[in-house]
Amino acid sequence: MSINPKVDAVVRRVIRADGAIEILDGPKTTREIAALIGAQDSGLDAVNLRNGMVMLVDDLGYDKELNPNAIATALYHKICVPGTTHQILGDVVIVPDADFGGR
């Protein structure tokens, strides 16, 4: 099954480093998100994708020597200064910013 990796404002998803995409059934807590990607809930970092969505990543991805995530890196590079080479490592979760804002 081919899923367009384009981020939209409706679908919560996990994007695995191997390219697999899993759709989430609703809002998740930070603890649940951390467990989904093998991170500590205090070790999540949020990347504002500037479209109402945030990408939550394992802040220790480089320390853990996780595999590069090509889809997440491409999404990250779309919002970065041209020429940015930093990669997103490991699995990520993309959710609406509203899942956490204003609570």
PDB file of N, CA and C in Angstrom:
ATOM      1  N   MET A   1       0.851  -1.184   0.000  1.00  0.00           N
ATOM      2  CA  MET A   1       0.000   0.000   0.000  1.00  0.00           C
ATOM      3  C   MET A   1       0.887   1.234   0.000  1.00  0.00           C
ATOM      4  N   SER A   2       0.647   2.134  -0.888  1.00  0.00           N
ATOM      5  CA  SER A   2       1.433   3.355  -0.973  1.00  0.00           C
ATOM      6  C   SER A   2       0.666   4.479  -0.304  1.00  0.00           C
ATOM      7  N   ILE A   3       1.305   5.120   0.649  1.00  0.00           N
ATOM      8  CA  ILE A   3       0.699   6.253   1.346  1.00  0.00           C
ATOM      9  C   ILE A   3       1.529   7.484   1.029  1.00  0.00           C
ATOM     10  N   ASN A   4       0.866   8.550   0.654  1.00  0.00           N
ATOM     11  CA  ASN A   4       1.553   9.798   0.388  1.00  0.00           C
ATOM     12  C   ASN A   4       2.086  10.342   1.699  1.00  0.00           C
ATOM     13  N   PRO A   5       3.405  10.552   1.827  1.00  0.00           N
ATOM     14  CA  PRO A   5       3.953  11.030   3.090  1.00  0.00           C
ATOM     15  C   PRO A   5       3.672  12.492   3.370  1.00  0.00           C
ATOM     16  N   LYS A   6       2.957  13.161   2.474  1.00  0.00           N
ATOM     17  CA  LYS A   6       2.625  14.565   2.703  1.00  0.00           C
ATOM     18  C   LYS A   6       1.830  14.688   4.002  1.00  0.00           C
ATOM     19  N   VAL A   7       2.246  15.605   4.829  1.00  0.00           N
ATOM     20  CA  VAL A   7       1.573  15.820   6.103  1.00  0.00           C
ATOM     21  C   VAL A   7       0.323  16.645   5.865  1.00  0.00           C
ATOM     22  N   ASP A   8      -0.790  16.218   6.455  1.00  0.00           N
ATOM     23  CA  ASP A   8      -2.001  17.018   6.380  1.00  0.00           C
ATOM     24  C   ASP A   8      -2.520  17.248   7.792  1.00  0.00           C
ATOM     25  N   ALA A   9      -3.543  18.050   7.915  1.00  0.00           N
ATOM     26  CA  ALA A   9      -4.026  18.460   9.226  1.00  0.00           C
ATOM     27  C   ALA A   9      -5.004  17.469   9.834  1.00  0.00           C
ATOM     28  N   VAL A  10      -5.163  16.293   9.244  1.00  0.00           N
ATOM     29  CA  VAL A  10      -6.158  15.357   9.740  1.00  0.00           C
ATOM     30  C   VAL A  10      -5.539  14.090  10.314  1.00  0.00           C
ATOM     31  N   VAL A  11      -4.521  13.591   9.674  1.00  0.00           N
ATOM     32  CA  VAL A  11      -4.030  12.258   9.991  1.00  0.00           C
ATOM     33  C   VAL A  11      -2.863  12.285  10.979  1.00  0.00           C
ATOM     34  N   ARG A  12      -3.076  11.631  12.109  1.00  0.00           N
ATOM     35  CA  ARG A  12      -1.996  11.394  13.067  1.00  0.00           C
ATOM     36  C   ARG A  12      -1.292  10.126  12.621  1.00  0.00           C
ATOM     37  N   ARG A  13       0.035  10.126  12.643  1.00  0.00           N
ATOM     38  CA  ARG A  13       0.737   8.957  12.131  1.00  0.00           C
ATOM     39  C   ARG A  13       2.097   8.771  12.771  1.00  0.00           C
ATOM     40  N   VAL A  14       2.549   7.527  12.700  1.00  0.00           N
ATOM     41  CA  VAL A  14       3.920   7.171  13.021  1.00  0.00           C
ATOM     42  C   VAL A  14       4.617   6.962  11.691  1.00  0.00           C
ATOM     43  N   ILE A  15       5.784   7.554  11.541  1.00  0.00           N
ATOM     44  CA  ILE A  15       6.602   7.300  10.361  1.00  0.00           C
ATOM     45  C   ILE A  15       7.860   6.598  10.854  1.00  0.00           C
ATOM     46  N   ARG A  16       7.982   5.343  10.496  1.00  0.00           N
ATOM     47  CA  ARG A  16       9.116   4.531  10.923  1.00  0.00           C
ATOM     48  C   ARG A  16      10.340   4.841  10.063  1.00  0.00           C
ATOM     49  N   ALA A  17      11.516   4.626  10.629  1.00  0.00           N
ATOM     50  CA  ALA A  17      12.767   4.877   9.902  1.00  0.00           C
ATOM     51  C   ALA A  17      12.871   4.023   8.647  1.00  0.00           C
ATOM     52  N   ASP A  18      12.202   2.874   8.640  1.00  0.00           N
ATOM     53  CA  ASP A  18      12.246   2.002   7.455  1.00  0.00           C
ATOM     54  C   ASP A  18      11.228   2.408   6.387  1.00  0.00           C
ATOM     55  N   GLY A  19      10.505   3.510   6.620  1.00  0.00           N
ATOM     56  CA  GLY A  19       9.540   4.015   5.642  1.00  0.00           C
ATOM     57  C   GLY A  19       8.104   3.584   5.879  1.00  0.00           C
ATOM     58  N   ALA A  20       7.885   2.664   6.800  1.00  0.00           N
ATOM     59  CA  ALA A  20       6.515   2.234   7.105  1.00  0.00           C
ATOM     60  C   ALA A  20       5.760   3.374   7.786  1.00  0.00           C
ATOM     61  N   ILE A  21       4.491   3.473   7.448  1.00  0.00           N
ATOM     62  CA  ILE A  21       3.635   4.506   8.040  1.00  0.00           C
ATOM     63  C   ILE A  21       2.456   3.834   8.706  1.00  0.00           C
ATOM     64  N   GLU A  22       2.209   4.206   9.957  1.00  0.00           N
ATOM     65  CA  GLU A  22       1.085   3.665  10.722  1.00  0.00           C
ATOM     66  C   GLU A  22       0.166   4.816  11.096  1.00  0.00           C
ATOM     67  N   ILE A  23      -1.102   4.680  10.810  1.00  0.00           N
ATOM     68  CA  ILE A  23      -2.094   5.695  11.154  1.00  0.00           C
ATOM     69  C   ILE A  23      -2.517   5.492  12.606  1.00  0.00           C
ATOM     70  N   LEU A  24      -2.581   6.579  13.356  1.00  0.00           N
ATOM     71  CA  LEU A  24      -3.013   6.527  14.754  1.00  0.00           C
ATOM     72  C   LEU A  24      -4.499   6.846  14.839  1.00  0.00           C
ATOM     73  N   ASP A  25      -5.172   6.253  15.803  1.00  0.00           N
ATOM     74  CA  ASP A  25      -6.625   6.370  15.889  1.00  0.00           C
ATOM     75  C   ASP A  25      -7.131   7.571  16.668  1.00  0.00           C
ATOM     76  N   GLY A  26      -6.272   8.392  17.190  1.00  0.00           N
ATOM     77  CA  GLY A  26      -6.723   9.573  17.916  1.00  0.00           C
ATOM     78  C   GLY A  26      -5.590  10.174  18.697  1.00  0.00           C
ATOM     79  N   PRO A  27      -5.875  11.226  19.450  1.00  0.00           N
ATOM     80  CA  PRO A  27      -4.824  11.871  20.230  1.00  0.00           C
ATOM     81  C   PRO A  27      -4.150  10.889  21.189  1.00  0.00           C
ATOM     82  N   LYS A  28      -2.861  11.119  21.404  1.00  0.00           N
ATOM     83  CA  LYS A  28      -2.062  10.297  22.308  1.00  0.00           C
ATOM     84  C   LYS A  28      -1.378  11.200  23.325  1.00  0.00           C
ATOM     85  N   THR A  29      -1.085  10.650  24.492  1.00  0.00           N
ATOM     86  CA  THR A  29      -0.306  11.392  25.483  1.00  0.00           C
ATOM     87  C   THR A  29       1.163  11.372  25.065  1.00  0.00           C
ATOM     88  N   THR A  30       1.967  12.238  25.665  1.00  0.00           N
ATOM     89  CA  THR A  30       3.391  12.217  25.352  1.00  0.00           C
ATOM     90  C   THR A  30       4.012  10.890  25.780  1.00  0.00           C
ATOM     91  N   ARG A  31       3.538  10.311  26.836  1.00  0.00           N
ATOM     92  CA  ARG A  31       4.045   9.000  27.276  1.00  0.00           C
ATOM     93  C   ARG A  31       3.741   7.930  26.224  1.00  0.00           C
ATOM     94  N   GLU A  32       2.530   7.948  25.679  1.00  0.00           N
ATOM     95  CA  GLU A  32       2.162   6.978  24.635  1.00  0.00           C
ATOM     96  C   GLU A  32       2.996   7.191  23.369  1.00  0.00           C
ATOM     97  N   ILE A  33       3.209   8.448  23.020  1.00  0.00           N
ATOM     98  CA  ILE A  33       4.005   8.749  21.830  1.00  0.00           C
ATOM     99  C   ILE A  33       5.438   8.279  22.016  1.00  0.00           C
ATOM    100  N   ALA A  34       5.995   8.550  23.182  1.00  0.00           N
ATOM    101  CA  ALA A  34       7.366   8.105  23.461  1.00  0.00           C
ATOM    102  C   ALA A  34       7.478   6.590  23.337  1.00  0.00           C
ATOM    103  N   ALA A  35       6.500   5.880  23.870  1.00  0.00           N
ATOM    104  CA  ALA A  35       6.518   4.418  23.790  1.00  0.00           C
ATOM    105  C   ALA A  35       6.427   3.939  22.344  1.00  0.00           C
ATOM    106  N   LEU A  36       5.654   4.637  21.507  1.00  0.00           N
ATOM    107  CA  LEU A  36       5.506   4.258  20.101  1.00  0.00           C
ATOM    108  C   LEU A  36       6.822   4.325  19.334  1.00  0.00           C
ATOM    109  N   ILE A  37       7.705   5.249  19.747  1.00  0.00           N
ATOM    110  CA  ILE A  37       8.954   5.418  19.001  1.00  0.00           C
ATOM    111  C   ILE A  37      10.190   5.009  19.801  1.00  0.00           C
ATOM    112  N   GLY A  38       9.983   4.417  20.960  1.00  0.00           N
ATOM    113  CA  GLY A  38      11.107   3.927  21.742  1.00  0.00           C
ATOM    114  C   GLY A  38      11.914   5.010  22.431  1.00  0.00           C
ATOM    115  N   ALA A  39      11.253   6.113  22.757  1.00  0.00           N
ATOM    116  CA  ALA A  39      11.924   7.228  23.434  1.00  0.00           C
ATOM    117  C   ALA A  39      11.442   7.318  24.876  1.00  0.00           C
ATOM    118  N   GLN A  40      12.158   8.080  25.671  1.00  0.00           N
ATOM    119  CA  GLN A  40      11.670   8.404  27.002  1.00  0.00           C
ATOM    120  C   GLN A  40      10.740   9.599  26.852  1.00  0.00           C
ATOM    121  N   ASP A  41       9.645   9.635  27.636  1.00  0.00           N
ATOM    122  CA  ASP A  41       8.708  10.750  27.460  1.00  0.00           C
ATOM    123  C   ASP A  41       9.360  12.086  27.770  1.00  0.00           C
ATOM    124  N   SER A  42      10.418  12.086  28.571  1.00  0.00           N
ATOM    125  CA  SER A  42      11.128  13.342  28.826  1.00  0.00           C
ATOM    126  C   SER A  42      12.164  13.622  27.739  1.00  0.00           C
ATOM    127  N   GLY A  43      12.322  12.691  26.799  1.00  0.00           N
ATOM    128  CA  GLY A  43      13.319  12.844  25.750  1.00  0.00           C
ATOM    129  C   GLY A  43      12.739  13.114  24.382  1.00  0.00           C
ATOM    130  N   LEU A  44      11.503  13.597  24.339  1.00  0.00           N
ATOM    131  CA  LEU A  44      10.895  13.948  23.059  1.00  0.00           C
ATOM    132  C   LEU A  44      11.251  15.381  22.686  1.00  0.00           C
ATOM    133  N   ASP A  45      11.444  15.597  21.416  1.00  0.00           N
ATOM    134  CA  ASP A  45      11.644  16.942  20.904  1.00  0.00           C
ATOM    135  C   ASP A  45      10.565  17.176  19.855  1.00  0.00           C
ATOM    136  N   ALA A  46      10.032  18.385  19.804  1.00  0.00           N
ATOM    137  CA  ALA A  46       8.963  18.711  18.859  1.00  0.00           C
ATOM    138  C   ALA A  46       9.492  19.618  17.759  1.00  0.00           C
ATOM    139  N   VAL A  47       9.146  19.274  16.529  1.00  0.00           N
ATOM    140  CA  VAL A  47       9.490  20.083  15.363  1.00  0.00           C
ATOM    141  C   VAL A  47       8.182  20.637  14.811  1.00  0.00           C
ATOM    142  N   ASN A  48       8.045  21.960  14.810  1.00  0.00           N
ATOM    143  CA  ASN A  48       6.853  22.602  14.273  1.00  0.00           C
ATOM    144  C   ASN A  48       6.930  22.547  12.753  1.00  0.00           C
ATOM    145  N   LEU A  49       6.008  21.830  12.127  1.00  0.00           N
ATOM    146  CA  LEU A  49       6.010  21.693  10.677  1.00  0.00           C
ATOM    147  C   LEU A  49       5.332  22.869   9.978  1.00  0.00           C
ATOM    148  N   ARG A  50       4.863  23.825  10.758  1.00  0.00           N
ATOM    149  CA  ARG A  50       4.305  25.087  10.251  1.00  0.00           C
ATOM    150  C   ARG A  50       3.045  24.921   9.423  1.00  0.00           C
ATOM    151  N   ASN A  51       2.326  23.844   9.673  1.00  0.00           N
ATOM    152  CA  ASN A  51       1.050  23.639   8.985  1.00  0.00           C
ATOM    153  C   ASN A  51      -0.007  23.157   9.973  1.00  0.00           C
ATOM    154  N   GLY A  52       0.224  23.470  11.256  1.00  0.00           N
ATOM    155  CA  GLY A  52      -0.675  23.019  12.297  1.00  0.00           C
ATOM    156  C   GLY A  52      -0.298  21.657  12.855  1.00  0.00           C
ATOM    157  N   MET A  53       0.770  21.074  12.325  1.00  0.00           N
ATOM    158  CA  MET A  53       1.224  19.758  12.761  1.00  0.00           C
ATOM    159  C   MET A  53       2.594  19.874  13.418  1.00  0.00           C
ATOM    160  N   VAL A  54       2.875  18.942  14.319  1.00  0.00           N
ATOM    161  CA  VAL A  54       4.194  18.847  14.918  1.00  0.00           C
ATOM    162  C   VAL A  54       4.720  17.429  14.728  1.00  0.00           C
ATOM    163  N   MET A  55       6.027  17.332  14.585  1.00  0.00           N
ATOM    164  CA  MET A  55       6.690  16.041  14.472  1.00  0.00           C
ATOM    165  C   MET A  55       7.459  15.824  15.776  1.00  0.00           C
ATOM    166  N   LEU A  56       7.124  14.743  16.475  1.00  0.00           N
ATOM    167  CA  LEU A  56       7.786  14.417  17.720  1.00  0.00           C
ATOM    168  C   LEU A  56       8.853  13.379  17.451  1.00  0.00           C
ATOM    169  N   VAL A  57      10.074  13.675  17.878  1.00  0.00           N
ATOM    170  CA  VAL A  57      11.230  12.835  17.590  1.00  0.00           C
ATOM    171  C   VAL A  57      11.928  12.466  18.889  1.00  0.00           C
ATOM    172  N   ASP A  58      12.710  11.406  18.835  1.00  0.00           N
ATOM    173  CA  ASP A  58      13.539  10.992  19.968  1.00  0.00           C
ATOM    174  C   ASP A  58      14.736  11.934  20.010  1.00  0.00           C
ATOM    175  N   ASP A  59      14.830  12.739  21.061  1.00  0.00           N
ATOM    176  CA  ASP A  59      15.896  13.722  21.200  1.00  0.00           C
ATOM    177  C   ASP A  59      17.274  13.060  21.303  1.00  0.00           C
ATOM    178  N   LEU A  60      17.310  11.784  21.614  1.00  0.00           N
ATOM    179  CA  LEU A  60      18.579  11.071  21.754  1.00  0.00           C
ATOM    180  C   LEU A  60      18.898  10.207  20.539  1.00  0.00           C
ATOM    181  N   GLY A  61      18.269  10.515  19.421  1.00  0.00           N
ATOM    182  CA  GLY A  61      18.459   9.719  18.209  1.00  0.00           C
ATOM    183  C   GLY A  61      19.913   9.573  17.799  1.00  0.00           C
ATOM    184  N   TYR A  62      20.676  10.658  17.887  1.00  0.00           N
ATOM    185  CA  TYR A  62      22.092  10.587  17.516  1.00  0.00           C
ATOM    186  C   TYR A  62      22.882   9.805  18.551  1.00  0.00           C
ATOM    187  N   ASP A  63      22.616  10.015  19.840  1.00  0.00           N
ATOM    188  CA  ASP A  63      23.308   9.270  20.896  1.00  0.00           C
ATOM    189  C   ASP A  63      23.037   7.776  20.786  1.00  0.00           C
ATOM    190  N   LYS A  64      21.809   7.420  20.409  1.00  0.00           N
ATOM    191  CA  LYS A  64      21.425   6.010  20.277  1.00  0.00           C
ATOM    192  C   LYS A  64      21.851   5.421  18.931  1.00  0.00           C
ATOM    193  N   GLU A  65      22.375   6.278  18.045  1.00  0.00           N
ATOM    194  CA  GLU A  65      22.783   5.866  16.699  1.00  0.00           C
ATOM    195  C   GLU A  65      21.633   5.205  15.934  1.00  0.00           C
ATOM    196  N   LEU A  66      20.455   5.871  15.995  1.00  0.00           N
ATOM    197  CA  LEU A  66      19.287   5.371  15.274  1.00  0.00           C
ATOM    198  C   LEU A  66      19.468   5.571  13.773  1.00  0.00           C
ATOM    199  N   ASN A  67      18.751   4.786  13.004  1.00  0.00           N
ATOM    200  CA  ASN A  67      18.810   4.882  11.551  1.00  0.00           C
ATOM    201  C   ASN A  67      18.160   6.170  11.062  1.00  0.00           C
ATOM    202  N   PRO A  68      18.665   6.730   9.963  1.00  0.00           N
ATOM    203  CA  PRO A  68      18.030   7.918   9.380  1.00  0.00           C
ATOM    204  C   PRO A  68      16.599   7.610   8.932  1.00  0.00           C
ATOM    205  N   ASN A  69      15.744   8.606   9.052  1.00  0.00           N
ATOM    206  CA  ASN A  69      14.356   8.503   8.618  1.00  0.00           C
ATOM    207  C   ASN A  69      14.202   9.445   7.427  1.00  0.00           C
ATOM    208  N   ALA A  70      14.220   8.890   6.219  1.00  0.00           N
ATOM    209  CA  ALA A  70      14.213   9.702   4.996  1.00  0.00           C
ATOM    210  C   ALA A  70      12.947  10.547   4.856  1.00  0.00           C
ATOM    211  N   ILE A  71      11.801   9.977   5.189  1.00  0.00           N
ATOM    212  CA  ILE A  71      10.541  10.731   5.050  1.00  0.00           C
ATOM    213  C   ILE A  71      10.512  11.885   6.048  1.00  0.00           C
ATOM    214  N   ALA A  72      10.838  11.614   7.305  1.00  0.00           N
ATOM    215  CA  ALA A  72      10.838  12.662   8.333  1.00  0.00           C
ATOM    216  C   ALA A  72      11.876  13.730   8.020  1.00  0.00           C
ATOM    217  N   THR A  73      13.030  13.310   7.527  1.00  0.00           N
ATOM    218  CA  THR A  73      14.067  14.277   7.170  1.00  0.00           C
ATOM    219  C   THR A  73      13.596  15.182   6.040  1.00  0.00           C
ATOM    220  N   ALA A  74      12.920  14.623   5.045  1.00  0.00           N
ATOM    221  CA  ALA A  74      12.400  15.434   3.939  1.00  0.00           C
ATOM    222  C   ALA A  74      11.387  16.455   4.446  1.00  0.00           C
ATOM    223  N   LEU A  75      10.518  16.050   5.356  1.00  0.00           N
ATOM    224  CA  LEU A  75       9.545  16.989   5.938  1.00  0.00           C
ATOM    225  C   LEU A  75      10.261  18.087   6.713  1.00  0.00           C
ATOM    226  N   TYR A  76      11.291  17.718   7.445  1.00  0.00           N
ATOM    227  CA  TYR A  76      12.083  18.675   8.226  1.00  0.00           C
ATOM    228  C   TYR A  76      12.781  19.668   7.305  1.00  0.00           C
ATOM    229  N   HIS A  77      13.395  19.171   6.248  1.00  0.00           N
ATOM    230  CA  HIS A  77      14.118  20.054   5.332  1.00  0.00           C
ATOM    231  C   HIS A  77      13.201  21.056   4.632  1.00  0.00           C
ATOM    232  N   LYS A  78      11.920  20.721   4.473  1.00  0.00           N
ATOM    233  CA  LYS A  78      10.970  21.651   3.849  1.00  0.00           C
ATOM    234  C   LYS A  78      10.789  22.923   4.666  1.00  0.00           C
ATOM    235  N   ILE A  79      11.022  22.849   5.973  1.00  0.00           N
ATOM    236  CA  ILE A  79      10.805  24.022   6.832  1.00  0.00           C
ATOM    237  C   ILE A  79      12.110  24.674   7.272  1.00  0.00           C
ATOM    238  N   CYS A  80      13.239  24.102   6.880  1.00  0.00           N
ATOM    239  CA  CYS A  80      14.543  24.595   7.316  1.00  0.00           C
ATOM    240  C   CYS A  80      15.132  25.608   6.347  1.00  0.00           C
ATOM    241  N   VAL A  81      16.169  26.253   6.819  1.00  0.00           N
ATOM    242  CA  VAL A  81      16.951  27.132   5.965  1.00  0.00           C
ATOM    243  C   VAL A  81      17.543  26.286   4.840  1.00  0.00           C
ATOM    244  N   PRO A  82      17.469  26.751   3.599  1.00  0.00           N
ATOM    245  CA  PRO A  82      18.056  25.979   2.496  1.00  0.00           C
ATOM    246  C   PRO A  82      19.510  25.613   2.802  1.00  0.00           C
ATOM    247  N   GLY A  83      19.861  24.378   2.476  1.00  0.00           N
ATOM    248  CA  GLY A  83      21.212  23.902   2.724  1.00  0.00           C
ATOM    249  C   GLY A  83      21.369  23.132   4.026  1.00  0.00           C
ATOM    250  N   THR A  84      20.309  23.068   4.832  1.00  0.00           N
ATOM    251  CA  THR A  84      20.375  22.309   6.081  1.00  0.00           C
ATOM    252  C   THR A  84      20.633  20.844   5.760  1.00  0.00           C
ATOM    253  N   THR A  85      21.561  20.229   6.485  1.00  0.00           N
ATOM    254  CA  THR A  85      21.897  18.830   6.228  1.00  0.00           C
ATOM    255  C   THR A  85      21.555  17.911   7.400  1.00  0.00           C
ATOM    256  N   HIS A  86      21.143  18.468   8.529  1.00  0.00           N
ATOM    257  CA  HIS A  86      20.794  17.651   9.695  1.00  0.00           C
ATOM    258  C   HIS A  86      19.711  16.648   9.316  1.00  0.00           C
ATOM    259  N   GLN A  87      19.859  15.411   9.782  1.00  0.00           N
ATOM    260  CA  GLN A  87      18.871  14.376   9.503  1.00  0.00           C
ATOM    261  C   GLN A  87      18.045  14.080  10.745  1.00  0.00           C
ATOM    262  N   ILE A  88      16.825  13.606  10.518  1.00  0.00           N
ATOM    263  CA  ILE A  88      15.986  13.080  11.587  1.00  0.00           C
ATOM    264  C   ILE A  88      16.279  11.592  11.673  1.00  0.00           C
ATOM    265  N   LEU A  89      16.577  11.130  12.884  1.00  0.00           N
ATOM    266  CA  LEU A  89      16.918   9.732  13.090  1.00  0.00           C
ATOM    267  C   LEU A  89      15.821   9.016  13.860  1.00  0.00           C
ATOM    268  N   GLY A  90      15.561   7.779  13.492  1.00  0.00           N
ATOM    269  CA  GLY A  90      14.587   6.960  14.203  1.00  0.00           C
ATOM    270  C   GLY A  90      13.157   7.229  13.777  1.00  0.00           C
ATOM    271  N   ASP A  91      12.261   6.566  14.473  1.00  0.00           N
ATOM    272  CA  ASP A  91      10.831   6.709  14.217  1.00  0.00           C
ATOM    273  C   ASP A  91      10.336   8.050  14.747  1.00  0.00           C
ATOM    274  N   VAL A  92       9.292   8.581  14.130  1.00  0.00           N
ATOM    275  CA  VAL A  92       8.689   9.843  14.566  1.00  0.00           C
ATOM    276  C   VAL A  92       7.173   9.702  14.603  1.00  0.00           C
ATOM    277  N   VAL A  93       6.543  10.614  15.307  1.00  0.00           N
ATOM    278  CA  VAL A  93       5.085  10.699  15.332  1.00  0.00           C
ATOM    279  C   VAL A  93       4.704  12.102  14.892  1.00  0.00           C
ATOM    280  N   ILE A  94       3.715  12.186  14.008  1.00  0.00           N
ATOM    281  CA  ILE A  94       3.210  13.481  13.555  1.00  0.00           C
ATOM    282  C   ILE A  94       1.762  13.601  13.998  1.00  0.00           C
ATOM    283  N   VAL A  95       1.491  14.693  14.707  1.00  0.00           N
ATOM    284  CA  VAL A  95       0.156  14.939  15.258  1.00  0.00           C
ATOM    285  C   VAL A  95      -0.185  16.418  15.131  1.00  0.00           C
ATOM    286  N   PRO A  96      -1.469  16.751  15.207  1.00  0.00           N
ATOM    287  CA  PRO A  96      -1.837  18.166  15.228  1.00  0.00           C
ATOM    288  C   PRO A  96      -1.286  18.835  16.478  1.00  0.00           C
ATOM    289  N   ASP A  97      -0.780  20.034  16.320  1.00  0.00           N
ATOM    290  CA  ASP A  97      -0.291  20.816  17.453  1.00  0.00           C
ATOM    291  C   ASP A  97      -1.407  21.001  18.487  1.00  0.00           C
ATOM    292  N   ALA A  98      -2.630  21.073  18.007  1.00  0.00           N
ATOM    293  CA  ALA A  98      -3.783  21.257  18.910  1.00  0.00           C
ATOM    294  C   ALA A  98      -3.962  20.106  19.878  1.00  0.00           C
ATOM    295  N   ASP A  99      -3.359  18.937  19.614  1.00  0.00           N
ATOM    296  CA  ASP A  99      -3.444  17.832  20.557  1.00  0.00           C
ATOM    297  C   ASP A  99      -2.827  18.200  21.899  1.00  0.00           C
ATOM    298  N   PHE A 100      -1.887  19.159  21.891  1.00  0.00           N
ATOM    299  CA  PHE A 100      -1.184  19.528  23.110  1.00  0.00           C
ATOM    300  C   PHE A 100      -1.408  20.972  23.520  1.00  0.00           C
ATOM    301  N   GLY A 101      -1.727  21.849  22.597  1.00  0.00           N
ATOM    302  CA  GLY A 101      -1.887  23.256  22.900  1.00  0.00           C
ATOM    303  C   GLY A 101      -3.193  23.548  23.640  1.00  0.00           C
ATOM    304  N   GLY A 102      -3.124  24.490  24.541  1.00  0.00           N
ATOM    305  CA  GLY A 102      -4.324  24.967  25.211  1.00  0.00           C
ATOM    306  C   GLY A 102      -4.925  24.028  26.225  1.00  0.00           C
ATOM    307  N   ARG A 103      -4.175  23.033  26.670  1.00  0.00           N
ATOM    308  CA  ARG A 103      -4.718  22.117  27.670  1.00  0.00           C
ATOM    309  C   ARG A 103      -4.306  22.522  29.044  1.00  0.00           C
TER     310      ARG A 103
END
